[in-house]
Amino acid sequence: MNKGDLIEALAAEMKASRTDAAKALDAVLAAITQGLKADEKVAISGFGTFQRKQRAARTGINPATKAQIQIPASTTCGFKPASALKDALTGA
């Protein structure tokens, strides 16, 4: 499912236009992004928790040349699904 498919599903669930569904989705994604930028956890009950994570600098290997390269430190986003989401996916 891509963003367009998600907008279609939201529009059908909300009984609203695609434009309104797109605005709602964009607002939710912006709020999650702002929460992560503020270095907060974003917990959605029954769905899961988004959390900002730090990756340390490390040495890697270029697979084409087998040369060692330095991979810089970076910030990424992690997601931990809630048990309700896990149960829904496993059919329990």
PDB file of N, CA and C in Angstrom:
ATOM      1  N   MET A   1       0.853  -1.174   0.000  1.00  0.00           N
ATOM      2  CA  MET A   1       0.000   0.000   0.000  1.00  0.00           C
ATOM      3  C   MET A   1       0.899   1.238   0.000  1.00  0.00           C
ATOM      4  N   ASN A   2       0.659   2.136  -0.935  1.00  0.00           N
ATOM      5  CA  ASN A   2       1.412   3.382  -0.983  1.00  0.00           C
ATOM      6  C   ASN A   2       0.537   4.531  -0.452  1.00  0.00           C
ATOM      7  N   LYS A   3       1.057   5.750  -0.504  1.00  0.00           N
ATOM      8  CA  LYS A   3       0.332   6.889   0.058  1.00  0.00           C
ATOM      9  C   LYS A   3      -1.007   7.114  -0.645  1.00  0.00           C
ATOM     10  N   GLY A   4      -1.033   6.950  -1.949  1.00  0.00           N
ATOM     11  CA  GLY A   4      -2.284   7.119  -2.697  1.00  0.00           C
ATOM     12  C   GLY A   4      -3.338   6.105  -2.285  1.00  0.00           C
ATOM     13  N   ASP A   5      -2.894   4.858  -2.090  1.00  0.00           N
ATOM     14  CA  ASP A   5      -3.819   3.815  -1.634  1.00  0.00           C
ATOM     15  C   ASP A   5      -4.334   4.123  -0.234  1.00  0.00           C
ATOM     16  N   LEU A   6      -3.447   4.611   0.612  1.00  0.00           N
ATOM     17  CA  LEU A   6      -3.839   4.958   1.974  1.00  0.00           C
ATOM     18  C   LEU A   6      -4.846   6.106   1.978  1.00  0.00           C
ATOM     19  N   ILE A   7      -4.645   7.084   1.113  1.00  0.00           N
ATOM     20  CA  ILE A   7      -5.595   8.197   0.994  1.00  0.00           C
ATOM     21  C   ILE A   7      -6.957   7.685   0.540  1.00  0.00           C
ATOM     22  N   GLU A   8      -6.961   6.777  -0.433  1.00  0.00           N
ATOM     23  CA  GLU A   8      -8.221   6.188  -0.899  1.00  0.00           C
ATOM     24  C   GLU A   8      -8.942   5.466   0.242  1.00  0.00           C
ATOM     25  N   ALA A   9      -8.196   4.684   1.028  1.00  0.00           N
ATOM     26  CA  ALA A   9      -8.795   3.949   2.140  1.00  0.00           C
ATOM     27  C   ALA A   9      -9.331   4.905   3.202  1.00  0.00           C
ATOM     28  N   LEU A  10      -8.580   5.969   3.495  1.00  0.00           N
ATOM     29  CA  LEU A  10      -9.044   6.969   4.465  1.00  0.00           C
ATOM     30  C   LEU A  10     -10.308   7.661   3.978  1.00  0.00           C
ATOM     31  N   ALA A  11     -10.336   8.034   2.718  1.00  0.00           N
ATOM     32  CA  ALA A  11     -11.501   8.719   2.157  1.00  0.00           C
ATOM     33  C   ALA A  11     -12.738   7.836   2.270  1.00  0.00           C
ATOM     34  N   ALA A  12     -12.577   6.551   1.995  1.00  0.00           N
ATOM     35  CA  ALA A  12     -13.709   5.627   2.091  1.00  0.00           C
ATOM     36  C   ALA A  12     -14.158   5.462   3.541  1.00  0.00           C
ATOM     37  N   GLU A  13     -13.204   5.334   4.453  1.00  0.00           N
ATOM     38  CA  GLU A  13     -13.533   5.153   5.876  1.00  0.00           C
ATOM     39  C   GLU A  13     -14.184   6.400   6.464  1.00  0.00           C
ATOM     40  N   MET A  14     -13.685   7.577   6.059  1.00  0.00           N
ATOM     41  CA  MET A  14     -14.206   8.837   6.587  1.00  0.00           C
ATOM     42  C   MET A  14     -15.451   9.307   5.842  1.00  0.00           C
ATOM     43  N   LYS A  15     -15.766   8.658   4.719  1.00  0.00           N
ATOM     44  CA  LYS A  15     -16.837   9.123   3.834  1.00  0.00           C
ATOM     45  C   LYS A  15     -16.611  10.594   3.476  1.00  0.00           C
ATOM     46  N   ALA A  16     -15.392  10.858   3.046  1.00  0.00           N
ATOM     47  CA  ALA A  16     -14.974  12.220   2.722  1.00  0.00           C
ATOM     48  C   ALA A  16     -14.286  12.208   1.353  1.00  0.00           C
ATOM     49  N   SER A  17     -13.933  13.386   0.890  1.00  0.00           N
ATOM     50  CA  SER A  17     -13.247  13.492  -0.400  1.00  0.00           C
ATOM     51  C   SER A  17     -11.789  13.062  -0.252  1.00  0.00           C
ATOM     52  N   ARG A  18     -11.185  12.773  -1.392  1.00  0.00           N
ATOM     53  CA  ARG A  18      -9.764  12.420  -1.386  1.00  0.00           C
ATOM     54  C   ARG A  18      -8.934  13.588  -0.867  1.00  0.00           C
ATOM     55  N   THR A  19      -9.339  14.808  -1.190  1.00  0.00           N
ATOM     56  CA  THR A  19      -8.608  15.996  -0.746  1.00  0.00           C
ATOM     57  C   THR A  19      -8.608  16.090   0.770  1.00  0.00           C
ATOM     58  N   ASP A  20      -9.781  15.886   1.382  1.00  0.00           N
ATOM     59  CA  ASP A  20      -9.861  15.944   2.847  1.00  0.00           C
ATOM     60  C   ASP A  20      -9.056  14.818   3.483  1.00  0.00           C
ATOM     61  N   ALA A  21      -9.099  13.636   2.894  1.00  0.00           N
ATOM     62  CA  ALA A  21      -8.337  12.510   3.419  1.00  0.00           C
ATOM     63  C   ALA A  21      -6.839  12.768   3.296  1.00  0.00           C
ATOM     64  N   ALA A  22      -6.416  13.358   2.183  1.00  0.00           N
ATOM     65  CA  ALA A  22      -4.999  13.680   1.992  1.00  0.00           C
ATOM     66  C   ALA A  22      -4.533  14.705   3.020  1.00  0.00           C
ATOM     67  N   LYS A  23      -5.375  15.709   3.293  1.00  0.00           N
ATOM     68  CA  LYS A  23      -5.033  16.717   4.307  1.00  0.00           C
ATOM     69  C   LYS A  23      -4.925  16.078   5.687  1.00  0.00           C
ATOM     70  N   ALA A  24      -5.840  15.172   6.001  1.00  0.00           N
ATOM     71  CA  ALA A  24      -5.813  14.491   7.299  1.00  0.00           C
ATOM     72  C   ALA A  24      -4.547  13.645   7.432  1.00  0.00           C
ATOM     73  N   LEU A  25      -4.210  12.897   6.398  1.00  0.00           N
ATOM     74  CA  LEU A  25      -3.006  12.068   6.434  1.00  0.00           C
ATOM     75  C   LEU A  25      -1.758  12.928   6.564  1.00  0.00           C
ATOM     76  N   ASP A  26      -1.682  14.007   5.784  1.00  0.00           N
ATOM     77  CA  ASP A  26      -0.527  14.908   5.861  1.00  0.00           C
ATOM     78  C   ASP A  26      -0.395  15.518   7.254  1.00  0.00           C
ATOM     79  N   ALA A  27      -1.521  15.860   7.881  1.00  0.00           N
ATOM     80  CA  ALA A  27      -1.484  16.431   9.225  1.00  0.00           C
ATOM     81  C   ALA A  27      -0.965  15.420  10.245  1.00  0.00           C
ATOM     82  N   VAL A  28      -1.396  14.172  10.129  1.00  0.00           N
ATOM     83  CA  VAL A  28      -0.925  13.127  11.050  1.00  0.00           C
ATOM     84  C   VAL A  28       0.569  12.894  10.863  1.00  0.00           C
ATOM     85  N   LEU A  29       1.013  12.780   9.625  1.00  0.00           N
ATOM     86  CA  LEU A  29       2.432  12.546   9.360  1.00  0.00           C
ATOM     87  C   LEU A  29       3.290  13.724   9.824  1.00  0.00           C
ATOM     88  N   ALA A  30       2.791  14.947   9.647  1.00  0.00           N
ATOM     89  CA  ALA A  30       3.521  16.123  10.109  1.00  0.00           C
ATOM     90  C   ALA A  30       3.625  16.135  11.631  1.00  0.00           C
ATOM     91  N   ALA A  31       2.560  15.753  12.319  1.00  0.00           N
ATOM     92  CA  ALA A  31       2.583  15.718  13.778  1.00  0.00           C
ATOM     93  C   ALA A  31       3.569  14.666  14.276  1.00  0.00           C
ATOM     94  N   ILE A  32       3.609  13.511  13.632  1.00  0.00           N
ATOM     95  CA  ILE A  32       4.569  12.475  14.020  1.00  0.00           C
ATOM     96  C   ILE A  32       5.992  12.979  13.797  1.00  0.00           C
ATOM     97  N   THR A  33       6.233  13.602  12.654  1.00  0.00           N
ATOM     98  CA  THR A  33       7.556  14.141  12.340  1.00  0.00           C
ATOM     99  C   THR A  33       7.986  15.194  13.356  1.00  0.00           C
ATOM    100  N   GLN A  34       7.069  16.107  13.703  1.00  0.00           N
ATOM    101  CA  GLN A  34       7.389  17.148  14.686  1.00  0.00           C
ATOM    102  C   GLN A  34       7.709  16.534  16.046  1.00  0.00           C
ATOM    103  N   GLY A  35       6.959  15.522  16.443  1.00  0.00           N
ATOM    104  CA  GLY A  35       7.232  14.854  17.712  1.00  0.00           C
ATOM    105  C   GLY A  35       8.602  14.209  17.720  1.00  0.00           C
ATOM    106  N   LEU A  36       8.979  13.579  16.623  1.00  0.00           N
ATOM    107  CA  LEU A  36      10.298  12.958  16.542  1.00  0.00           C
ATOM    108  C   LEU A  36      11.410  13.998  16.495  1.00  0.00           C
ATOM    109  N   LYS A  37      11.162  15.115  15.803  1.00  0.00           N
ATOM    110  CA  LYS A  37      12.159  16.195  15.766  1.00  0.00           C
ATOM    111  C   LYS A  37      12.403  16.769  17.153  1.00  0.00           C
ATOM    112  N   ALA A  38      11.354  16.800  17.978  1.00  0.00           N
ATOM    113  CA  ALA A  38      11.477  17.310  19.333  1.00  0.00           C
ATOM    114  C   ALA A  38      12.084  16.254  20.261  1.00  0.00           C
ATOM    115  N   ASP A  39      12.548  15.147  19.672  1.00  0.00           N
ATOM    116  CA  ASP A  39      13.198  14.065  20.405  1.00  0.00           C
ATOM    117  C   ASP A  39      12.256  13.397  21.395  1.00  0.00           C
ATOM    118  N   GLU A  40      10.989  13.273  21.003  1.00  0.00           N
ATOM    119  CA  GLU A  40       9.997  12.625  21.839  1.00  0.00           C
ATOM    120  C   GLU A  40       9.599  11.290  21.224  1.00  0.00           C
ATOM    121  N   LYS A  41       9.038  10.431  22.067  1.00  0.00           N
ATOM    122  CA  LYS A  41       8.399   9.233  21.554  1.00  0.00           C
ATOM    123  C   LYS A  41       7.017   9.644  21.059  1.00  0.00           C
ATOM    124  N   VAL A  42       6.568   9.020  20.004  1.00  0.00           N
ATOM    125  CA  VAL A  42       5.213   9.237  19.524  1.00  0.00           C
ATOM    126  C   VAL A  42       4.500   7.895  19.648  1.00  0.00           C
ATOM    127  N   ALA A  43       3.627   7.791  20.652  1.00  0.00           N
ATOM    128  CA  ALA A  43       2.929   6.537  20.925  1.00  0.00           C
ATOM    129  C   ALA A  43       1.485   6.647  20.465  1.00  0.00           C
ATOM    130  N   ILE A  44       1.069   5.697  19.651  1.00  0.00           N
ATOM    131  CA  ILE A  44      -0.309   5.626  19.180  1.00  0.00           C
ATOM    132  C   ILE A  44      -0.893   4.345  19.765  1.00  0.00           C
ATOM    133  N   SER A  45      -1.784   4.529  20.705  1.00  0.00           N
ATOM    134  CA  SER A  45      -2.345   3.401  21.433  1.00  0.00           C
ATOM    135  C   SER A  45      -2.963   2.382  20.478  1.00  0.00           C
ATOM    136  N   GLY A  46      -2.597   1.114  20.651  1.00  0.00           N
ATOM    137  CA  GLY A  46      -3.118   0.045  19.818  1.00  0.00           C
ATOM    138  C   GLY A  46      -2.407  -0.104  18.493  1.00  0.00           C
ATOM    139  N   PHE A  47      -1.497   0.813  18.167  1.00  0.00           N
ATOM    140  CA  PHE A  47      -0.769   0.737  16.901  1.00  0.00           C
ATOM    141  C   PHE A  47       0.713   0.516  17.139  1.00  0.00           C
ATOM    142  N   GLY A  48       1.354   1.438  17.873  1.00  0.00           N
ATOM    143  CA  GLY A  48       2.774   1.292  18.154  1.00  0.00           C
ATOM    144  C   GLY A  48       3.417   2.591  18.546  1.00  0.00           C
ATOM    145  N   THR A  49       4.736   2.552  18.700  1.00  0.00           N
ATOM    146  CA  THR A  49       5.502   3.703  19.149  1.00  0.00           C
ATOM    147  C   THR A  49       6.624   3.992  18.164  1.00  0.00           C
ATOM    148  N   PHE A  50       6.693   5.239  17.725  1.00  0.00           N
ATOM    149  CA  PHE A  50       7.801   5.719  16.911  1.00  0.00           C
ATOM    150  C   PHE A  50       8.796   6.367  17.860  1.00  0.00           C
ATOM    151  N   GLN A  51      10.088   6.093  17.658  1.00  0.00           N
ATOM    152  CA  GLN A  51      11.091   6.679  18.527  1.00  0.00           C
ATOM    153  C   GLN A  51      12.337   7.021  17.724  1.00  0.00           C
ATOM    154  N   ARG A  52      12.923   8.150  18.051  1.00  0.00           N
ATOM    155  CA  ARG A  52      14.144   8.590  17.409  1.00  0.00           C
ATOM    156  C   ARG A  52      15.300   7.750  17.937  1.00  0.00           C
ATOM    157  N   LYS A  53      16.173   7.286  17.037  1.00  0.00           N
ATOM    158  CA  LYS A  53      17.315   6.461  17.435  1.00  0.00           C
ATOM    159  C   LYS A  53      18.597   7.018  16.840  1.00  0.00           C
ATOM    160  N   GLN A  54      19.673   6.870  17.594  1.00  0.00           N
ATOM    161  CA  GLN A  54      20.989   7.320  17.145  1.00  0.00           C
ATOM    162  C   GLN A  54      21.814   6.109  16.714  1.00  0.00           C
ATOM    163  N   ARG A  55      22.475   6.230  15.596  1.00  0.00           N
ATOM    164  CA  ARG A  55      23.406   5.195  15.147  1.00  0.00           C
ATOM    165  C   ARG A  55      24.811   5.764  15.261  1.00  0.00           C
ATOM    166  N   ALA A  56      25.686   5.020  15.892  1.00  0.00           N
ATOM    167  CA  ALA A  56      27.070   5.465  16.065  1.00  0.00           C
ATOM    168  C   ALA A  56      27.834   5.337  14.749  1.00  0.00           C
ATOM    169  N   ALA A  57      28.918   6.117  14.647  1.00  0.00           N
ATOM    170  CA  ALA A  57      29.797   5.991  13.486  1.00  0.00           C
ATOM    171  C   ALA A  57      30.451   4.614  13.537  1.00  0.00           C
ATOM    172  N   ARG A  58      30.689   4.047  12.367  1.00  0.00           N
ATOM    173  CA  ARG A  58      31.281   2.720  12.325  1.00  0.00           C
ATOM    174  C   ARG A  58      32.043   2.530  11.016  1.00  0.00           C
ATOM    175  N   THR A  59      32.829   1.463  10.984  1.00  0.00           N
ATOM    176  CA  THR A  59      33.577   1.122   9.786  1.00  0.00           C
ATOM    177  C   THR A  59      32.799   0.057   9.026  1.00  0.00           C
ATOM    178  N   GLY A  60      32.663   0.259   7.731  1.00  0.00           N
ATOM    179  CA  GLY A  60      31.974  -0.700   6.880  1.00  0.00           C
ATOM    180  C   GLY A  60      32.875  -1.128   5.742  1.00  0.00           C
ATOM    181  N   ILE A  61      32.351  -1.967   4.884  1.00  0.00           N
ATOM    182  CA  ILE A  61      33.115  -2.450   3.733  1.00  0.00           C
ATOM    183  C   ILE A  61      32.311  -2.173   2.470  1.00  0.00           C
ATOM    184  N   ASN A  62      32.957  -1.549   1.496  1.00  0.00           N
ATOM    185  CA  ASN A  62      32.341  -1.326   0.194  1.00  0.00           C
ATOM    186  C   ASN A  62      32.283  -2.683  -0.510  1.00  0.00           C
ATOM    187  N   PRO A  63      31.077  -3.201  -0.806  1.00  0.00           N
ATOM    188  CA  PRO A  63      30.989  -4.541  -1.391  1.00  0.00           C
ATOM    189  C   PRO A  63      31.605  -4.649  -2.782  1.00  0.00           C
ATOM    190  N   ALA A  64      31.681  -3.550  -3.511  1.00  0.00           N
ATOM    191  CA  ALA A  64      32.232  -3.602  -4.863  1.00  0.00           C
ATOM    192  C   ALA A  64      33.758  -3.683  -4.852  1.00  0.00           C
ATOM    193  N   THR A  65      34.393  -2.904  -3.956  1.00  0.00           N
ATOM    194  CA  THR A  65      35.857  -2.836  -3.950  1.00  0.00           C
ATOM    195  C   THR A  65      36.485  -3.550  -2.764  1.00  0.00           C
ATOM    196  N   LYS A  66      35.684  -3.937  -1.794  1.00  0.00           N
ATOM    197  CA  LYS A  66      36.138  -4.574  -0.549  1.00  0.00           C
ATOM    198  C   LYS A  66      36.999  -3.637   0.301  1.00  0.00           C
ATOM    199  N   ALA A  67      36.983  -2.344  -0.040  1.00  0.00           N
ATOM    200  CA  ALA A  67      37.727  -1.363   0.741  1.00  0.00           C
ATOM    201  C   ALA A  67      36.921  -0.965   1.976  1.00  0.00           C
ATOM    202  N   GLN A  68      37.651  -0.694   3.051  1.00  0.00           N
ATOM    203  CA  GLN A  68      36.969  -0.227   4.255  1.00  0.00           C
ATOM    204  C   GLN A  68      36.570   1.232   4.077  1.00  0.00           C
ATOM    205  N   ILE A  69      35.375   1.562   4.555  1.00  0.00           N
ATOM    206  CA  ILE A  69      34.893   2.938   4.497  1.00  0.00           C
ATOM    207  C   ILE A  69      34.367   3.325   5.870  1.00  0.00           C
ATOM    208  N   GLN A  70      34.386   4.604   6.149  1.00  0.00           N
ATOM    209  CA  GLN A  70      33.866   5.107   7.414  1.00  0.00           C
ATOM    210  C   GLN A  70      32.412   5.534   7.194  1.00  0.00           C
ATOM    211  N   ILE A  71      31.512   4.955   7.969  1.00  0.00           N
ATOM    212  CA  ILE A  71      30.100   5.308   7.897  1.00  0.00           C
ATOM    213  C   ILE A  71      29.833   6.291   9.026  1.00  0.00           C
ATOM    214  N   PRO A  72      29.358   7.506   8.714  1.00  0.00           N
ATOM    215  CA  PRO A  72      29.169   8.523   9.761  1.00  0.00           C
ATOM    216  C   PRO A  72      27.992   8.202  10.679  1.00  0.00           C
ATOM    217  N   ALA A  73      27.990   8.819  11.840  1.00  0.00           N
ATOM    218  CA  ALA A  73      26.869   8.693  12.779  1.00  0.00           C
ATOM    219  C   ALA A  73      25.624   9.271  12.124  1.00  0.00           C
ATOM    220  N   SER A  74      24.471   8.727  12.486  1.00  0.00           N
ATOM    221  CA  SER A  74      23.226   9.210  11.885  1.00  0.00           C
ATOM    222  C   SER A  74      22.070   9.059  12.867  1.00  0.00           C
ATOM    223  N   THR A  75      20.995   9.738  12.558  1.00  0.00           N
ATOM    224  CA  THR A  75      19.771   9.644  13.336  1.00  0.00           C
ATOM    225  C   THR A  75      18.712   8.996  12.463  1.00  0.00           C
ATOM    226  N   THR A  76      17.961   8.074  13.034  1.00  0.00           N
ATOM    227  CA  THR A  76      16.933   7.373  12.285  1.00  0.00           C
ATOM    228  C   THR A  76      15.693   7.217  13.155  1.00  0.00           C
ATOM    229  N   CYS A  77      14.682   6.619  12.612  1.00  0.00           N
ATOM    230  CA  CYS A  77      13.429   6.414  13.327  1.00  0.00           C
ATOM    231  C   CYS A  77      13.208   4.916  13.506  1.00  0.00           C
ATOM    232  N   GLY A  78      12.832   4.541  14.711  1.00  0.00           N
ATOM    233  CA  GLY A  78      12.491   3.156  14.982  1.00  0.00           C
ATOM    234  C   GLY A  78      11.003   3.045  15.265  1.00  0.00           C
ATOM    235  N   PHE A  79      10.456   1.870  15.052  1.00  0.00           N
ATOM    236  CA  PHE A  79       9.045   1.639  15.314  1.00  0.00           C
ATOM    237  C   PHE A  79       8.897   0.335  16.063  1.00  0.00           C
ATOM    238  N   LYS A  80       8.153   0.376  17.149  1.00  0.00           N
ATOM    239  CA  LYS A  80       7.858  -0.831  17.918  1.00  0.00           C
ATOM    240  C   LYS A  80       6.346  -1.018  17.875  1.00  0.00           C
ATOM    241  N   PRO A  81       5.881  -2.086  17.235  1.00  0.00           N
ATOM    242  CA  PRO A  81       4.429  -2.294  17.134  1.00  0.00           C
ATOM    243  C   PRO A  81       3.812  -2.650  18.479  1.00  0.00           C
ATOM    244  N   ALA A  82       2.578  -2.214  18.680  1.00  0.00           N
ATOM    245  CA  ALA A  82       1.821  -2.563  19.880  1.00  0.00           C
ATOM    246  C   ALA A  82       1.353  -4.001  19.772  1.00  0.00           C
ATOM    247  N   SER A  83       1.050  -4.587  20.908  1.00  0.00           N
ATOM    248  CA  SER A  83       0.612  -5.985  20.895  1.00  0.00           C
ATOM    249  C   SER A  83      -0.691  -6.149  20.113  1.00  0.00           C
ATOM    250  N   ALA A  84      -1.557  -5.150  20.122  1.00  0.00           N
ATOM    251  CA  ALA A  84      -2.806  -5.234  19.357  1.00  0.00           C
ATOM    252  C   ALA A  84      -2.516  -5.329  17.856  1.00  0.00           C
ATOM    253  N   LEU A  85      -1.521  -4.605  17.375  1.00  0.00           N
ATOM    254  CA  LEU A  85      -1.140  -4.667  15.965  1.00  0.00           C
ATOM    255  C   LEU A  85      -0.515  -6.020  15.657  1.00  0.00           C
ATOM    256  N   LYS A  86       0.346  -6.494  16.526  1.00  0.00           N
ATOM    257  CA  LYS A  86       0.971  -7.810  16.333  1.00  0.00           C
ATOM    258  C   LYS A  86      -0.114  -8.897  16.258  1.00  0.00           C
ATOM    259  N   ASP A  87      -1.082  -8.829  17.177  1.00  0.00           N
ATOM    260  CA  ASP A  87      -2.156  -9.814  17.188  1.00  0.00           C
ATOM    261  C   ASP A  87      -2.990  -9.754  15.911  1.00  0.00           C
ATOM    262  N   ALA A  88      -3.245  -8.542  15.410  1.00  0.00           N
ATOM    263  CA  ALA A  88      -4.020  -8.389  14.189  1.00  0.00           C
ATOM    264  C   ALA A  88      -3.279  -8.997  12.991  1.00  0.00           C
ATOM    265  N   LEU A  89      -1.962  -8.892  12.984  1.00  0.00           N
ATOM    266  CA  LEU A  89      -1.167  -9.415  11.862  1.00  0.00           C
ATOM    267  C   LEU A  89      -1.035 -10.931  11.912  1.00  0.00           C
ATOM    268  N   THR A  90      -1.029 -11.490  13.111  1.00  0.00           N
ATOM    269  CA  THR A  90      -0.872 -12.944  13.227  1.00  0.00           C
ATOM    270  C   THR A  90      -2.222 -13.658  13.247  1.00  0.00           C
ATOM    271  N   GLY A  91      -3.299 -12.894  13.317  1.00  0.00           N
ATOM    272  CA  GLY A  91      -4.626 -13.480  13.317  1.00  0.00           C
ATOM    273  C   GLY A  91      -5.059 -14.033  14.666  1.00  0.00           C
ATOM    274  N   ALA A  92      -4.336 -13.656  15.716  1.00  0.00           N
ATOM    275  CA  ALA A  92      -4.684 -14.160  17.057  1.00  0.00           C
ATOM    276  C   ALA A  92      -5.840 -13.408  17.647  1.00  0.00           C
TER     277      ALA A  92
END
